[in-house]
């Protein structure tokens, strides 16, 4: 979600849906490690121990990693309806 012009403090939300708590944790760890190698440090994170909704705060970019039911419940896309959306689907799920 491109939040430029919509939020004064954020530029982007990246929203990801995992298939399990372990999957969410693995994705979060991969994001953290990959960005750290590039010198991009995270401000803070929330929800990692539970793995239902993991938030990774990189300042103007926030990554949300959800379980499907949590994503439907909170509906961040609806809350930030003025944002510009770009959808990218995993190749394994795009044929469904």
C-alpha atoms as a PDB file:
ATOM      1  CA  UNK A   1       0.000   0.000   0.000  1.00  0.00           C
ATOM      2  CA  UNK A   2       1.422   3.342  -1.066  1.00  0.00           C
ATOM      3  CA  UNK A   3       0.554   5.773   1.727  1.00  0.00           C
ATOM      4  CA  UNK A   4       2.415   8.797   0.382  1.00  0.00           C
ATOM      5  CA  UNK A   5      -0.005  11.710   0.500  1.00  0.00           C
ATOM      6  CA  UNK A   6      -2.340   9.710   2.771  1.00  0.00           C
ATOM      7  CA  UNK A   7      -0.184   9.484   5.913  1.00  0.00           C
ATOM      8  CA  UNK A   8       2.192  12.104   7.256  1.00  0.00           C
ATOM      9  CA  UNK A   9       4.452   9.523   8.918  1.00  0.00           C
ATOM     10  CA  UNK A  10       4.347   6.439   6.679  1.00  0.00           C
ATOM     11  CA  UNK A  11       5.149   5.862   3.032  1.00  0.00           C
ATOM     12  CA  UNK A  12       4.270   2.188   2.653  1.00  0.00           C
ATOM     13  CA  UNK A  13       2.524  -0.762   4.271  1.00  0.00           C
ATOM     14  CA  UNK A  14       3.577  -4.148   3.000  1.00  0.00           C
ATOM     15  CA  UNK A  15       0.955  -6.763   3.874  1.00  0.00           C
ATOM     16  CA  UNK A  16       1.746 -10.461   3.637  1.00  0.00           C
ATOM     17  CA  UNK A  17      -0.388 -13.499   4.446  1.00  0.00           C
ATOM     18  CA  UNK A  18       1.277 -16.659   5.716  1.00  0.00           C
ATOM     19  CA  UNK A  19      -0.045 -20.201   5.894  1.00  0.00           C
ATOM     20  CA  UNK A  20       0.988 -20.899   9.511  1.00  0.00           C
ATOM     21  CA  UNK A  21       2.574 -19.235  12.506  1.00  0.00           C
ATOM     22  CA  UNK A  22       5.907 -20.871  11.635  1.00  0.00           C
ATOM     23  CA  UNK A  23       5.596 -19.635   8.045  1.00  0.00           C
ATOM     24  CA  UNK A  24       4.979 -16.091   9.308  1.00  0.00           C
ATOM     25  CA  UNK A  25       7.992 -16.261  11.611  1.00  0.00           C
ATOM     26  CA  UNK A  26      10.181 -17.604   8.799  1.00  0.00           C
ATOM     27  CA  UNK A  27       9.093 -14.810   6.453  1.00  0.00           C
ATOM     28  CA  UNK A  28       9.720 -12.201   9.148  1.00  0.00           C
ATOM     29  CA  UNK A  29      13.182 -13.576   9.868  1.00  0.00           C
ATOM     30  CA  UNK A  30      14.045 -13.620   6.165  1.00  0.00           C
ATOM     31  CA  UNK A  31      12.956  -9.982   5.786  1.00  0.00           C
ATOM     32  CA  UNK A  32      14.928  -8.951   8.885  1.00  0.00           C
ATOM     33  CA  UNK A  33      18.079 -10.814   7.785  1.00  0.00           C
ATOM     34  CA  UNK A  34      17.928  -9.652   4.157  1.00  0.00           C
ATOM     35  CA  UNK A  35      17.450  -6.006   5.037  1.00  0.00           C
ATOM     36  CA  UNK A  36      20.086  -6.144   7.777  1.00  0.00           C
ATOM     37  CA  UNK A  37      22.620  -7.418   5.201  1.00  0.00           C
ATOM     38  CA  UNK A  38      21.795  -4.320   3.145  1.00  0.00           C
ATOM     39  CA  UNK A  39      22.300  -2.065   6.175  1.00  0.00           C
ATOM     40  CA  UNK A  40      18.601  -1.406   6.748  1.00  0.00           C
ATOM     41  CA  UNK A  41      17.846  -1.699  10.453  1.00  0.00           C
ATOM     42  CA  UNK A  42      14.437  -2.279  11.966  1.00  0.00           C
ATOM     43  CA  UNK A  43      13.074   0.175  14.546  1.00  0.00           C
ATOM     44  CA  UNK A  44      11.046  -2.445  16.386  1.00  0.00           C
ATOM     45  CA  UNK A  45       8.807  -5.443  15.912  1.00  0.00           C
ATOM     46  CA  UNK A  46       5.676  -6.812  17.519  1.00  0.00           C
ATOM     47  CA  UNK A  47       3.933 -10.167  17.561  1.00  0.00           C
ATOM     48  CA  UNK A  48       6.861 -12.384  16.607  1.00  0.00           C
ATOM     49  CA  UNK A  49       6.518 -14.867  19.524  1.00  0.00           C
ATOM     50  CA  UNK A  50       2.872 -15.577  18.666  1.00  0.00           C
ATOM     51  CA  UNK A  51       3.247 -15.434  14.887  1.00  0.00           C
ATOM     52  CA  UNK A  52      -0.413 -14.531  14.214  1.00  0.00           C
ATOM     53  CA  UNK A  53       0.320 -10.919  13.209  1.00  0.00           C
ATOM     54  CA  UNK A  54       3.933  -9.818  13.008  1.00  0.00           C
ATOM     55  CA  UNK A  55       4.706  -6.130  12.564  1.00  0.00           C
ATOM     56  CA  UNK A  56       8.157  -5.049  11.399  1.00  0.00           C
ATOM     57  CA  UNK A  57       8.713  -1.300  11.694  1.00  0.00           C
ATOM     58  CA  UNK A  58      11.280   0.204   9.338  1.00  0.00           C
ATOM     59  CA  UNK A  59      10.274   3.815   9.909  1.00  0.00           C
ATOM     60  CA  UNK A  60       8.427   4.969   6.806  1.00  0.00           C
ATOM     61  CA  UNK A  61       7.782   1.343   5.778  1.00  0.00           C
ATOM     62  CA  UNK A  62       5.809  -1.066   7.958  1.00  0.00           C
ATOM     63  CA  UNK A  63       5.606  -4.786   7.132  1.00  0.00           C
ATOM     64  CA  UNK A  64       2.529  -6.676   8.376  1.00  0.00           C
ATOM     65  CA  UNK A  65       2.664 -10.470   8.234  1.00  0.00           C
ATOM     66  CA  UNK A  66      -0.749 -11.969   8.985  1.00  0.00           C
ATOM     67  CA  UNK A  67      -2.491 -15.267   9.323  1.00  0.00           C
ATOM     68  CA  UNK A  68      -5.465 -15.220   6.928  1.00  0.00           C
ATOM     69  CA  UNK A  69      -8.118 -14.908   9.659  1.00  0.00           C
ATOM     70  CA  UNK A  70      -6.279 -12.015  11.330  1.00  0.00           C
ATOM     71  CA  UNK A  71      -5.913 -10.209   8.012  1.00  0.00           C
ATOM     72  CA  UNK A  72      -9.645 -10.555   7.312  1.00  0.00           C
ATOM     73  CA  UNK A  73     -10.498  -9.390  10.828  1.00  0.00           C
ATOM     74  CA  UNK A  74      -8.386  -6.217  10.840  1.00  0.00           C
ATOM     75  CA  UNK A  75      -8.889  -5.322   7.154  1.00  0.00           C
ATOM     76  CA  UNK A  76      -6.036  -2.823   6.944  1.00  0.00           C
ATOM     77  CA  UNK A  77      -6.748  -2.385   3.242  1.00  0.00           C
ATOM     78  CA  UNK A  78     -10.205  -1.072   4.105  1.00  0.00           C
ATOM     79  CA  UNK A  79      -8.941   1.186   6.895  1.00  0.00           C
ATOM     80  CA  UNK A  80      -6.461   2.792   4.495  1.00  0.00           C
ATOM     81  CA  UNK A  81      -8.827   2.873   1.510  1.00  0.00           C
ATOM     82  CA  UNK A  82      -7.318   6.104   0.137  1.00  0.00           C
ATOM     83  CA  UNK A  83      -3.963   4.396  -0.433  1.00  0.00           C
ATOM     84  CA  UNK A  84      -2.773   3.123  -3.790  1.00  0.00           C
ATOM     85  CA  UNK A  85      -2.649  -0.688  -3.828  1.00  0.00           C
ATOM     86  CA  UNK A  86      -0.303  -3.013  -5.668  1.00  0.00           C
ATOM     87  CA  UNK A  87      -1.040  -6.732  -5.363  1.00  0.00           C
ATOM     88  CA  UNK A  88       1.622  -9.376  -5.878  1.00  0.00           C
ATOM     89  CA  UNK A  89       0.594 -12.996  -5.690  1.00  0.00           C
ATOM     90  CA  UNK A  90       2.893 -15.901  -4.928  1.00  0.00           C
ATOM     91  CA  UNK A  91       3.323 -18.119  -7.990  1.00  0.00           C
ATOM     92  CA  UNK A  92       2.229 -21.148  -5.977  1.00  0.00           C
ATOM     93  CA  UNK A  93      -1.114 -19.515  -5.137  1.00  0.00           C
ATOM     94  CA  UNK A  94      -1.773 -17.633  -8.378  1.00  0.00           C
ATOM     95  CA  UNK A  95      -3.156 -20.718 -10.143  1.00  0.00           C
ATOM     96  CA  UNK A  96      -5.864 -21.286  -7.537  1.00  0.00           C
END
